[in-house]
N, C-alpha and C. Protein backbone atom coordinates (compact mmCIF):
# COMPACT_ATOMS: atom_id res chain seq x y z
N MET A 1 0.84 -1.19 0.00
CA MET A 1 0.00 0.00 0.00
C MET A 1 0.87 1.24 0.00
N ARG A 2 0.72 2.11 -1.00
CA ARG A 2 1.46 3.36 -1.04
C ARG A 2 0.72 4.42 -0.28
N LEU A 3 1.46 5.31 0.37
CA LEU A 3 0.82 6.37 1.13
C LEU A 3 0.17 7.38 0.20
N SER A 4 -1.03 7.83 0.55
CA SER A 4 -1.69 8.89 -0.19
C SER A 4 -1.16 10.22 0.29
N GLY A 5 -1.56 11.29 -0.38
CA GLY A 5 -1.12 12.61 0.01
C GLY A 5 -1.56 12.97 1.41
N GLU A 6 -2.77 12.54 1.81
CA GLU A 6 -3.28 12.88 3.13
C GLU A 6 -2.50 12.17 4.24
N GLN A 7 -1.90 11.04 3.91
CA GLN A 7 -1.17 10.27 4.92
C GLN A 7 0.33 10.54 4.87
N LEU A 8 0.72 11.48 4.07
CA LEU A 8 2.11 11.63 3.69
C LEU A 8 3.05 11.83 4.86
N PHE A 9 2.60 12.54 5.89
CA PHE A 9 3.52 12.94 6.94
C PHE A 9 3.52 11.99 8.13
N ALA A 10 2.87 10.86 8.02
CA ALA A 10 2.89 9.87 9.09
C ALA A 10 3.35 8.54 8.52
N LEU A 11 4.34 7.94 9.14
CA LEU A 11 4.84 6.65 8.65
C LEU A 11 5.50 5.90 9.79
N PHE A 12 5.57 4.57 9.62
CA PHE A 12 6.26 3.71 10.57
C PHE A 12 7.70 3.53 10.13
N VAL A 13 8.60 3.57 11.11
CA VAL A 13 10.02 3.40 10.84
C VAL A 13 10.63 2.50 11.90
N VAL A 14 11.80 1.99 11.62
CA VAL A 14 12.62 1.29 12.60
C VAL A 14 13.76 2.21 12.99
N ARG A 15 13.89 2.49 14.28
CA ARG A 15 14.93 3.40 14.76
C ARG A 15 16.29 2.71 14.70
N GLU A 16 17.23 3.35 14.03
CA GLU A 16 18.57 2.80 13.91
C GLU A 16 19.55 3.47 14.89
N ASN A 17 19.47 4.82 14.99
CA ASN A 17 20.43 5.54 15.82
C ASN A 17 19.90 6.93 16.12
N ARG A 18 20.21 7.44 17.31
CA ARG A 18 19.83 8.81 17.68
C ARG A 18 21.10 9.64 17.85
N GLU A 19 21.12 10.83 17.24
CA GLU A 19 22.22 11.77 17.39
C GLU A 19 21.68 13.04 18.02
N TYR A 20 22.53 14.03 18.21
CA TYR A 20 22.10 15.22 18.95
C TYR A 20 21.07 16.04 18.19
N ASP A 21 21.05 15.96 16.84
CA ASP A 21 20.13 16.79 16.07
C ASP A 21 19.22 16.01 15.14
N CYS A 22 19.35 14.68 15.11
CA CYS A 22 18.55 13.90 14.17
C CYS A 22 18.44 12.45 14.62
N ILE A 23 17.55 11.74 13.98
CA ILE A 23 17.39 10.32 14.22
C ILE A 23 17.56 9.59 12.89
N THR A 24 18.32 8.53 12.89
CA THR A 24 18.50 7.70 11.70
C THR A 24 17.49 6.56 11.75
N VAL A 25 16.71 6.41 10.68
CA VAL A 25 15.64 5.41 10.67
C VAL A 25 15.72 4.58 9.39
N ARG A 26 15.05 3.45 9.45
CA ARG A 26 14.92 2.57 8.29
C ARG A 26 13.45 2.41 7.97
N TYR A 27 13.09 2.45 6.70
CA TYR A 27 11.71 2.25 6.28
C TYR A 27 11.69 1.45 4.99
N MET A 28 10.53 0.91 4.65
CA MET A 28 10.39 0.11 3.44
C MET A 28 9.90 0.97 2.28
N SER A 29 10.54 0.83 1.14
CA SER A 29 10.12 1.50 -0.08
C SER A 29 9.86 0.45 -1.16
N GLU A 30 9.40 0.90 -2.30
CA GLU A 30 9.13 -0.04 -3.40
C GLU A 30 10.39 -0.73 -3.89
N SER A 31 11.54 -0.12 -3.63
CA SER A 31 12.80 -0.70 -4.08
C SER A 31 13.56 -1.39 -2.94
N GLY A 32 12.91 -1.54 -1.78
CA GLY A 32 13.54 -2.22 -0.66
C GLY A 32 13.75 -1.31 0.53
N SER A 33 14.52 -1.79 1.50
CA SER A 33 14.76 -1.04 2.73
C SER A 33 15.61 0.19 2.47
N GLN A 34 15.22 1.32 3.06
CA GLN A 34 15.94 2.58 2.91
C GLN A 34 16.31 3.12 4.28
N VAL A 35 17.45 3.79 4.37
CA VAL A 35 17.89 4.42 5.60
C VAL A 35 18.01 5.92 5.36
N VAL A 36 17.46 6.70 6.30
CA VAL A 36 17.46 8.15 6.13
C VAL A 36 17.60 8.82 7.49
N ARG A 37 18.16 10.01 7.51
CA ARG A 37 18.28 10.80 8.74
C ARG A 37 17.17 11.84 8.76
N ILE A 38 16.44 11.91 9.87
CA ILE A 38 15.34 12.86 10.02
C ILE A 38 15.69 13.83 11.13
N PRO A 39 15.69 15.13 10.85
CA PRO A 39 15.99 16.10 11.91
C PRO A 39 14.89 16.13 12.97
N TYR A 40 15.27 16.26 14.22
CA TYR A 40 14.29 16.30 15.30
C TYR A 40 13.29 17.44 15.11
N ALA A 41 13.74 18.55 14.51
CA ALA A 41 12.86 19.70 14.31
C ALA A 41 11.69 19.38 13.39
N ALA A 42 11.80 18.32 12.59
CA ALA A 42 10.73 17.96 11.66
C ALA A 42 9.73 17.00 12.27
N ILE A 43 10.01 16.48 13.48
CA ILE A 43 9.14 15.48 14.10
C ILE A 43 8.10 16.18 14.97
N LEU A 44 6.84 16.10 14.54
CA LEU A 44 5.74 16.66 15.33
C LEU A 44 5.32 15.73 16.46
N PHE A 45 5.39 14.43 16.21
CA PHE A 45 4.90 13.43 17.16
C PHE A 45 5.62 12.13 16.91
N GLU A 46 5.99 11.44 17.99
CA GLU A 46 6.58 10.11 17.88
C GLU A 46 5.92 9.19 18.89
N CYS A 47 5.44 8.05 18.42
CA CYS A 47 4.88 7.02 19.30
C CYS A 47 5.72 5.77 19.12
N ALA A 48 6.45 5.39 20.17
CA ALA A 48 7.33 4.24 20.10
C ALA A 48 6.56 2.96 20.36
N PHE A 49 6.89 1.92 19.59
CA PHE A 49 6.29 0.61 19.74
C PHE A 49 7.41 -0.41 19.91
N GLY A 50 7.34 -1.18 21.01
CA GLY A 50 8.28 -2.27 21.18
C GLY A 50 9.72 -1.81 21.27
N GLU A 51 10.62 -2.64 20.75
CA GLU A 51 12.04 -2.44 20.95
C GLU A 51 12.63 -1.37 20.04
N SER A 52 12.11 -1.22 18.82
CA SER A 52 12.79 -0.31 17.89
C SER A 52 11.88 0.38 16.88
N ALA A 53 10.59 0.15 16.91
CA ALA A 53 9.69 0.75 15.92
C ALA A 53 9.05 2.02 16.46
N SER A 54 8.77 2.96 15.57
CA SER A 54 8.09 4.20 15.94
C SER A 54 7.17 4.63 14.81
N LEU A 55 6.08 5.29 15.18
CA LEU A 55 5.30 6.02 14.21
C LEU A 55 5.70 7.48 14.34
N LEU A 56 6.07 8.09 13.22
CA LEU A 56 6.48 9.49 13.19
C LEU A 56 5.49 10.32 12.41
N SER A 57 5.13 11.48 12.95
CA SER A 57 4.37 12.47 12.22
C SER A 57 5.32 13.62 11.94
N LEU A 58 5.47 13.96 10.65
CA LEU A 58 6.52 14.89 10.23
C LEU A 58 5.95 16.15 9.58
N THR A 59 6.75 17.21 9.62
CA THR A 59 6.39 18.46 8.96
C THR A 59 7.61 19.02 8.25
N GLU A 60 7.37 19.94 7.33
CA GLU A 60 8.48 20.61 6.65
C GLU A 60 9.22 21.51 7.63
N VAL A 61 10.53 21.57 7.48
CA VAL A 61 11.33 22.42 8.37
C VAL A 61 12.54 22.95 7.59
N LYS A 62 12.89 24.20 7.87
CA LYS A 62 14.04 24.80 7.21
C LYS A 62 15.28 24.59 8.05
N LEU A 63 16.31 24.01 7.45
CA LEU A 63 17.58 23.74 8.12
C LEU A 63 18.67 24.63 7.53
N ASP A 64 19.83 24.60 8.15
CA ASP A 64 20.95 25.38 7.62
C ASP A 64 21.34 24.93 6.22
N THR A 65 21.10 23.66 5.94
CA THR A 65 21.47 23.10 4.64
C THR A 65 20.33 23.15 3.62
N GLY A 66 19.20 23.69 4.01
CA GLY A 66 18.05 23.75 3.11
C GLY A 66 16.80 23.21 3.77
N TRP A 67 15.77 22.97 2.98
CA TRP A 67 14.49 22.49 3.50
C TRP A 67 14.46 20.97 3.58
N PHE A 68 13.93 20.47 4.69
CA PHE A 68 13.59 19.05 4.79
C PHE A 68 12.10 18.94 4.52
N VAL A 69 11.74 18.27 3.42
CA VAL A 69 10.34 18.20 2.97
C VAL A 69 9.91 16.74 2.93
N PRO A 70 9.09 16.29 3.88
CA PRO A 70 8.67 14.88 3.91
C PRO A 70 8.04 14.43 2.60
N ARG A 71 7.26 15.29 1.95
CA ARG A 71 6.62 14.92 0.68
C ARG A 71 7.65 14.48 -0.35
N GLU A 72 8.75 15.19 -0.41
CA GLU A 72 9.79 14.85 -1.38
C GLU A 72 10.61 13.64 -0.91
N GLN A 73 10.83 13.56 0.40
CA GLN A 73 11.67 12.48 0.94
C GLN A 73 11.01 11.12 0.85
N PHE A 74 9.70 11.07 1.13
CA PHE A 74 9.05 9.77 1.29
C PHE A 74 8.01 9.43 0.23
N SER A 75 7.76 10.30 -0.73
CA SER A 75 6.79 9.93 -1.78
C SER A 75 7.30 10.25 -3.17
N GLY A 76 8.59 10.53 -3.30
CA GLY A 76 9.14 10.80 -4.61
C GLY A 76 9.20 9.55 -5.46
N SER A 77 9.58 9.71 -6.69
CA SER A 77 9.60 8.58 -7.63
C SER A 77 10.70 7.57 -7.30
N LYS A 78 11.73 7.98 -6.55
CA LYS A 78 12.84 7.09 -6.27
C LYS A 78 12.60 6.19 -5.06
N ARG A 79 12.03 6.76 -3.98
CA ARG A 79 11.93 5.99 -2.73
C ARG A 79 10.56 6.15 -2.07
N PRO A 80 9.48 5.86 -2.78
CA PRO A 80 8.15 6.01 -2.15
C PRO A 80 7.94 4.99 -1.04
N VAL A 81 7.31 5.43 0.06
CA VAL A 81 7.07 4.56 1.20
C VAL A 81 6.02 3.51 0.87
N VAL A 82 6.26 2.30 1.33
CA VAL A 82 5.29 1.21 1.21
C VAL A 82 4.95 0.75 2.62
N GLN A 83 3.66 0.69 2.94
CA GLN A 83 3.21 0.27 4.26
C GLN A 83 2.58 -1.11 4.18
N SER A 84 2.80 -1.92 5.23
CA SER A 84 2.14 -3.22 5.33
C SER A 84 0.69 -3.02 5.74
N GLU A 85 -0.11 -4.08 5.68
CA GLU A 85 -1.51 -4.00 6.09
C GLU A 85 -1.63 -3.62 7.56
N ALA A 86 -0.77 -4.18 8.40
CA ALA A 86 -0.82 -3.86 9.83
C ALA A 86 -0.48 -2.40 10.07
N GLU A 87 0.53 -1.89 9.38
CA GLU A 87 0.87 -0.47 9.51
C GLU A 87 -0.30 0.40 9.07
N ALA A 88 -0.97 -0.01 8.00
CA ALA A 88 -2.12 0.76 7.50
C ALA A 88 -3.24 0.81 8.52
N ARG A 89 -3.46 -0.29 9.24
CA ARG A 89 -4.52 -0.31 10.25
C ARG A 89 -4.21 0.67 11.38
N LEU A 90 -2.95 0.73 11.80
CA LEU A 90 -2.57 1.64 12.87
C LEU A 90 -2.57 3.10 12.39
N LEU A 91 -2.18 3.31 11.14
CA LEU A 91 -2.24 4.66 10.59
C LEU A 91 -3.68 5.16 10.51
N LYS A 92 -4.60 4.25 10.26
CA LYS A 92 -6.02 4.61 10.23
C LYS A 92 -6.47 5.13 11.60
N ILE A 93 -6.03 4.48 12.67
CA ILE A 93 -6.33 4.97 14.01
C ILE A 93 -5.74 6.36 14.22
N PHE A 94 -4.50 6.52 13.81
CA PHE A 94 -3.81 7.79 14.00
C PHE A 94 -4.55 8.93 13.31
N HIS A 95 -5.00 8.70 12.08
CA HIS A 95 -5.66 9.76 11.32
C HIS A 95 -7.10 10.00 11.78
N GLU A 96 -7.78 8.95 12.24
CA GLU A 96 -9.18 9.10 12.62
C GLU A 96 -9.37 9.47 14.08
N GLU A 97 -8.49 8.99 14.98
CA GLU A 97 -8.69 9.19 16.41
C GLU A 97 -7.60 10.01 17.08
N GLY A 98 -6.52 10.28 16.35
CA GLY A 98 -5.46 11.09 16.91
C GLY A 98 -4.36 10.28 17.56
N PRO A 99 -3.24 10.94 17.84
CA PRO A 99 -2.07 10.22 18.37
C PRO A 99 -2.28 9.57 19.72
N MET A 100 -3.14 10.15 20.57
CA MET A 100 -3.32 9.58 21.90
C MET A 100 -4.00 8.22 21.84
N ALA A 101 -4.75 7.96 20.77
CA ALA A 101 -5.37 6.64 20.62
C ALA A 101 -4.30 5.57 20.49
N LEU A 102 -3.21 5.88 19.83
CA LEU A 102 -2.10 4.93 19.73
C LEU A 102 -1.38 4.82 21.07
N ALA A 103 -1.16 5.95 21.71
CA ALA A 103 -0.42 5.94 22.97
C ALA A 103 -1.16 5.17 24.05
N SER A 104 -2.51 5.15 23.97
CA SER A 104 -3.29 4.44 24.99
C SER A 104 -3.59 3.00 24.60
N ALA A 105 -2.94 2.53 23.52
CA ALA A 105 -3.01 1.12 23.11
C ALA A 105 -4.38 0.69 22.60
N LYS A 106 -5.24 1.65 22.17
CA LYS A 106 -6.50 1.25 21.56
C LYS A 106 -6.27 0.49 20.26
N ALA A 107 -5.05 0.63 19.73
CA ALA A 107 -4.73 0.00 18.46
C ALA A 107 -4.84 -1.51 18.51
N ILE A 108 -4.86 -2.10 19.70
CA ILE A 108 -4.89 -3.56 19.79
C ILE A 108 -6.13 -4.12 19.12
N SER A 109 -7.24 -3.35 19.05
CA SER A 109 -8.45 -3.85 18.41
C SER A 109 -8.26 -4.00 16.91
N PHE A 110 -7.20 -3.42 16.35
CA PHE A 110 -6.92 -3.54 14.94
C PHE A 110 -5.86 -4.60 14.65
N VAL A 111 -5.40 -5.27 15.69
CA VAL A 111 -4.38 -6.30 15.53
C VAL A 111 -5.05 -7.64 15.26
N ARG A 112 -4.58 -8.34 14.24
CA ARG A 112 -5.14 -9.65 13.93
C ARG A 112 -4.64 -10.70 14.91
N ALA A 113 -5.44 -11.73 15.10
CA ALA A 113 -5.03 -12.82 15.99
C ALA A 113 -3.71 -13.43 15.52
N LEU A 114 -3.51 -13.48 14.21
CA LEU A 114 -2.27 -14.05 13.68
C LEU A 114 -1.05 -13.19 13.96
N ASP A 115 -1.28 -11.92 14.29
CA ASP A 115 -0.16 -11.02 14.60
C ASP A 115 0.38 -11.23 16.01
N VAL A 116 -0.31 -12.06 16.82
CA VAL A 116 0.09 -12.27 18.21
C VAL A 116 0.89 -13.57 18.31
N ASP A 117 2.08 -13.49 18.92
CA ASP A 117 2.89 -14.70 19.05
C ASP A 117 2.51 -15.47 20.32
N ASP A 118 3.13 -16.61 20.53
CA ASP A 118 2.77 -17.46 21.66
C ASP A 118 3.21 -16.87 23.00
N GLU A 119 4.05 -15.84 22.98
CA GLU A 119 4.48 -15.18 24.22
C GLU A 119 3.60 -13.98 24.55
N GLY A 120 2.56 -13.74 23.73
CA GLY A 120 1.62 -12.67 24.04
C GLY A 120 2.00 -11.31 23.51
N TYR A 121 2.94 -11.24 22.58
CA TYR A 121 3.33 -9.98 21.95
C TYR A 121 2.73 -9.91 20.55
N TRP A 122 2.33 -8.70 20.13
CA TRP A 122 1.85 -8.56 18.76
C TRP A 122 2.92 -7.92 17.89
N HIS A 123 2.91 -8.29 16.61
CA HIS A 123 3.96 -7.93 15.67
C HIS A 123 3.39 -7.15 14.50
N ILE A 124 4.26 -6.41 13.85
CA ILE A 124 3.96 -5.79 12.57
C ILE A 124 5.02 -6.25 11.59
N GLU A 125 4.58 -6.74 10.43
CA GLU A 125 5.51 -7.24 9.43
C GLU A 125 6.51 -6.16 9.05
N GLY A 126 7.78 -6.50 9.10
CA GLY A 126 8.83 -5.56 8.74
C GLY A 126 9.32 -4.72 9.90
N LEU A 127 8.53 -4.62 10.97
CA LEU A 127 8.92 -3.81 12.12
C LEU A 127 9.24 -4.65 13.35
N GLY A 128 8.76 -5.89 13.34
CA GLY A 128 9.07 -6.78 14.45
C GLY A 128 8.08 -6.71 15.59
N ARG A 129 8.54 -7.09 16.78
CA ARG A 129 7.69 -7.18 17.96
C ARG A 129 7.34 -5.80 18.49
N MET A 130 6.05 -5.59 18.75
CA MET A 130 5.57 -4.29 19.18
C MET A 130 5.45 -4.20 20.71
N ALA A 131 4.48 -4.88 21.29
CA ALA A 131 4.23 -4.77 22.73
C ALA A 131 3.43 -5.96 23.20
N THR A 132 3.38 -6.16 24.50
CA THR A 132 2.58 -7.24 25.06
C THR A 132 1.12 -6.85 25.15
N VAL A 133 0.25 -7.84 25.05
CA VAL A 133 -1.19 -7.60 25.18
C VAL A 133 -1.59 -7.43 26.65
N VAL A 134 -0.79 -7.98 27.57
CA VAL A 134 -1.09 -7.85 29.00
C VAL A 134 -1.05 -6.38 29.39
N GLY A 135 -2.10 -5.93 30.07
CA GLY A 135 -2.20 -4.54 30.47
C GLY A 135 -3.05 -3.70 29.55
N VAL A 136 -3.39 -4.25 28.38
CA VAL A 136 -4.22 -3.54 27.40
C VAL A 136 -5.70 -3.72 27.74
N LYS A 137 -6.51 -2.73 27.43
CA LYS A 137 -7.96 -2.85 27.61
C LYS A 137 -8.60 -3.27 26.28
N LEU A 138 -9.41 -4.32 26.34
CA LEU A 138 -10.08 -4.85 25.16
C LEU A 138 -11.59 -4.67 25.30
N ASP A 139 -12.27 -4.52 24.17
CA ASP A 139 -13.73 -4.37 24.17
C ASP A 139 -14.39 -5.69 23.80
N PRO A 140 -15.20 -6.29 24.70
CA PRO A 140 -15.90 -7.53 24.35
C PRO A 140 -16.81 -7.29 23.14
N PRO A 141 -16.83 -8.20 22.18
CA PRO A 141 -17.65 -8.00 20.97
C PRO A 141 -19.13 -8.13 21.26
N GLY A 142 -19.94 -7.30 20.60
CA GLY A 142 -21.39 -7.39 20.71
C GLY A 142 -21.91 -7.27 22.11
N SER A 143 -21.27 -6.43 22.92
CA SER A 143 -21.67 -6.32 24.32
C SER A 143 -21.61 -4.87 24.77
N GLU A 144 -22.46 -4.53 25.72
CA GLU A 144 -22.43 -3.19 26.31
C GLU A 144 -21.52 -3.13 27.52
N VAL A 145 -20.86 -4.25 27.80
CA VAL A 145 -19.96 -4.32 28.94
C VAL A 145 -18.78 -3.37 28.72
N LYS A 146 -18.33 -2.75 29.80
CA LYS A 146 -17.18 -1.85 29.70
C LYS A 146 -15.94 -2.61 29.24
N SER A 147 -14.94 -1.85 28.83
CA SER A 147 -13.70 -2.47 28.40
C SER A 147 -13.11 -3.35 29.50
N GLU A 148 -12.52 -4.44 29.08
CA GLU A 148 -11.91 -5.38 30.01
C GLU A 148 -10.39 -5.26 29.91
N GLU A 149 -9.74 -5.17 31.07
CA GLU A 149 -8.28 -5.09 31.07
C GLU A 149 -7.68 -6.48 31.15
N VAL A 150 -6.68 -6.74 30.29
CA VAL A 150 -5.97 -8.01 30.34
C VAL A 150 -5.02 -7.98 31.53
N ILE A 151 -5.22 -8.90 32.47
CA ILE A 151 -4.44 -8.87 33.70
C ILE A 151 -3.37 -9.97 33.77
N MET A 152 -3.52 -11.00 32.93
CA MET A 152 -2.49 -12.04 32.93
C MET A 152 -2.62 -12.89 31.68
N MET A 153 -1.62 -13.72 31.45
CA MET A 153 -1.60 -14.62 30.30
C MET A 153 -1.12 -15.99 30.75
N TYR A 154 -1.66 -17.02 30.15
CA TYR A 154 -1.14 -18.37 30.37
C TYR A 154 -1.13 -19.09 29.03
N HIS A 155 -0.61 -20.31 29.01
CA HIS A 155 -0.53 -21.08 27.78
C HIS A 155 -1.44 -22.30 27.85
N VAL A 156 -1.99 -22.68 26.69
CA VAL A 156 -2.78 -23.90 26.60
C VAL A 156 -1.88 -25.08 26.96
N GLN A 157 -2.31 -25.89 27.93
CA GLN A 157 -1.45 -26.95 28.45
C GLN A 157 -2.06 -28.34 28.33
N GLU A 158 -3.23 -28.45 27.70
CA GLU A 158 -3.81 -29.78 27.53
C GLU A 158 -4.47 -29.90 26.16
N LEU A 159 -4.44 -31.11 25.65
CA LEU A 159 -5.08 -31.39 24.36
C LEU A 159 -6.58 -31.60 24.57
N GLY A 160 -7.33 -31.44 23.49
CA GLY A 160 -8.75 -31.76 23.54
C GLY A 160 -9.67 -30.58 23.73
N LEU A 161 -9.13 -29.38 23.92
CA LEU A 161 -9.97 -28.20 24.04
C LEU A 161 -10.13 -27.54 22.68
N GLY A 162 -11.37 -27.15 22.37
CA GLY A 162 -11.65 -26.58 21.06
C GLY A 162 -11.90 -25.09 21.12
N CYS A 163 -11.52 -24.40 20.07
CA CYS A 163 -11.81 -22.97 19.94
C CYS A 163 -13.33 -22.79 19.96
N ALA A 164 -13.82 -21.86 20.78
CA ALA A 164 -15.26 -21.64 20.91
C ALA A 164 -15.87 -21.01 19.67
N HIS A 165 -15.03 -20.55 18.75
CA HIS A 165 -15.56 -19.93 17.53
C HIS A 165 -15.60 -20.90 16.36
N CYS A 166 -14.50 -21.61 16.09
CA CYS A 166 -14.45 -22.49 14.92
C CYS A 166 -14.41 -23.96 15.28
N GLY A 167 -14.16 -24.29 16.55
CA GLY A 167 -14.15 -25.69 16.97
C GLY A 167 -12.83 -26.40 16.78
N ALA A 168 -11.86 -25.74 16.12
CA ALA A 168 -10.56 -26.38 15.91
C ALA A 168 -9.84 -26.57 17.23
N GLU A 169 -9.05 -27.63 17.31
CA GLU A 169 -8.33 -27.90 18.56
C GLU A 169 -7.36 -26.77 18.87
N MET A 170 -7.36 -26.32 20.11
CA MET A 170 -6.47 -25.25 20.52
C MET A 170 -5.04 -25.75 20.58
N GLN A 171 -4.13 -24.99 20.05
CA GLN A 171 -2.74 -25.38 19.93
C GLN A 171 -2.04 -25.37 21.29
N LEU A 172 -1.35 -26.46 21.59
CA LEU A 172 -0.56 -26.49 22.82
C LEU A 172 0.46 -25.36 22.83
N GLY A 173 0.54 -24.65 23.94
CA GLY A 173 1.49 -23.56 24.06
C GLY A 173 0.99 -22.24 23.55
N ARG A 174 -0.23 -22.24 22.96
CA ARG A 174 -0.79 -20.97 22.46
C ARG A 174 -1.22 -20.11 23.64
N CYS A 175 -1.04 -18.80 23.51
CA CYS A 175 -1.37 -17.90 24.62
C CYS A 175 -2.87 -17.72 24.78
N VAL A 176 -3.30 -17.56 26.02
CA VAL A 176 -4.68 -17.22 26.37
C VAL A 176 -4.60 -16.07 27.37
N PHE A 177 -5.43 -15.05 27.18
CA PHE A 177 -5.39 -13.88 28.06
C PHE A 177 -6.60 -13.89 28.99
N LEU A 178 -6.37 -13.52 30.24
CA LEU A 178 -7.43 -13.43 31.23
C LEU A 178 -7.69 -11.96 31.54
N THR A 179 -9.00 -11.56 31.52
CA THR A 179 -9.35 -10.17 31.80
C THR A 179 -9.85 -10.02 33.23
N ASP A 180 -9.93 -8.75 33.66
CA ASP A 180 -10.35 -8.49 35.04
C ASP A 180 -11.82 -8.82 35.27
N GLY A 181 -12.61 -9.02 34.21
CA GLY A 181 -14.01 -9.38 34.36
C GLY A 181 -14.27 -10.87 34.25
N GLY A 182 -13.20 -11.66 34.14
CA GLY A 182 -13.35 -13.11 34.11
C GLY A 182 -13.38 -13.73 32.74
N PHE A 183 -13.27 -12.94 31.68
CA PHE A 183 -13.22 -13.50 30.33
C PHE A 183 -11.85 -14.11 30.06
N GLU A 184 -11.85 -15.14 29.20
CA GLU A 184 -10.61 -15.62 28.62
C GLU A 184 -10.66 -15.26 27.13
N VAL A 185 -9.58 -14.68 26.65
CA VAL A 185 -9.51 -14.22 25.26
C VAL A 185 -8.42 -15.00 24.56
N TYR A 186 -8.83 -15.70 23.50
CA TYR A 186 -7.93 -16.62 22.81
C TYR A 186 -7.72 -16.15 21.37
N PRO A 187 -6.50 -15.79 20.97
CA PRO A 187 -6.24 -15.41 19.58
C PRO A 187 -6.04 -16.67 18.72
N CYS A 188 -7.11 -17.13 18.11
CA CYS A 188 -7.06 -18.39 17.36
C CYS A 188 -6.31 -18.20 16.05
N ASN A 189 -5.30 -19.05 15.82
CA ASN A 189 -4.55 -18.94 14.58
C ASN A 189 -5.10 -19.86 13.49
N ILE A 190 -6.29 -20.41 13.71
CA ILE A 190 -6.97 -21.20 12.67
C ILE A 190 -8.07 -20.37 12.01
N CYS A 191 -9.03 -19.88 12.81
CA CYS A 191 -10.09 -19.03 12.26
C CYS A 191 -9.69 -17.56 12.27
N GLU A 192 -8.53 -17.25 12.88
CA GLU A 192 -7.97 -15.90 12.91
C GLU A 192 -8.89 -14.91 13.62
N GLU A 193 -9.62 -15.38 14.65
CA GLU A 193 -10.52 -14.53 15.41
C GLU A 193 -10.00 -14.36 16.83
N TRP A 194 -10.34 -13.20 17.42
CA TRP A 194 -10.18 -13.01 18.85
C TRP A 194 -11.41 -13.63 19.50
N VAL A 195 -11.25 -14.70 20.24
CA VAL A 195 -12.38 -15.46 20.76
C VAL A 195 -12.54 -15.17 22.25
N TRP A 196 -13.75 -14.70 22.62
CA TRP A 196 -14.06 -14.36 24.02
C TRP A 196 -14.94 -15.44 24.61
N VAL A 197 -14.51 -16.03 25.72
CA VAL A 197 -15.33 -17.06 26.38
C VAL A 197 -15.14 -16.97 27.89
N TYR A 198 -16.10 -17.53 28.60
CA TYR A 198 -15.88 -17.84 30.00
C TYR A 198 -15.23 -19.21 30.06
N PRO A 199 -14.43 -19.51 31.06
CA PRO A 199 -13.72 -20.80 31.11
C PRO A 199 -14.62 -22.01 30.94
N ASP A 200 -15.86 -21.95 31.41
CA ASP A 200 -16.76 -23.10 31.33
C ASP A 200 -17.29 -23.34 29.92
N ASN A 201 -17.04 -22.43 28.98
CA ASN A 201 -17.65 -22.52 27.67
C ASN A 201 -16.77 -23.20 26.61
N TYR A 202 -15.59 -23.69 26.98
CA TYR A 202 -14.78 -24.43 26.03
C TYR A 202 -15.44 -25.77 25.73
N GLU A 203 -15.32 -26.21 24.49
CA GLU A 203 -15.93 -27.49 24.07
C GLU A 203 -14.83 -28.54 23.94
N GLU A 204 -15.21 -29.76 24.24
CA GLU A 204 -14.28 -30.89 24.05
C GLU A 204 -14.19 -31.23 22.56
N VAL A 205 -12.99 -31.49 22.09
CA VAL A 205 -12.77 -31.86 20.68
C VAL A 205 -12.42 -33.33 20.63
N GLU A 206 -13.13 -34.04 19.79
CA GLU A 206 -12.89 -35.50 19.69
C GLU A 206 -11.69 -35.76 18.81
């Protein structure tokens, strides 16, 4: 997905190095990985994710060496930015709900079950591991119940339990999240759904 003009000044990058006046980052373009230095004066907002990824909102700025223009840097014919589907979902939150929506981890509702690893961290293709789901507030589907906070995680430790959504056998070692309201939330990697159940609602699989 190529960035449109409206999305031009917000992009995901991998932080490579910080200097006194700029940050060196890596991003994906149509011709492959690119490395560029961005002056701090051009950064309107930065939201860090995980070990090395950030979402940057940029603006034009005049430097001693000339103008730094994000439109020219990241959407020119030579090195146009390419975003993954996961990056696009988070950028949608940023543009529709503002930067604080990302900072408060509301973005987890846009994360696919397949993006969550067995250790409970969610990933973005090309950017790596983002953050743990523990501590995030999730909204139960089709319910007026308030948001539920994930308070702990455990792993599936026995065979024969089926996903409450598709019925497929739950994978040994797959993560399950427990909320403060008593729900168990299972990111099924078969039907690719976030499955909400009470512990008594699991079905036996023959």
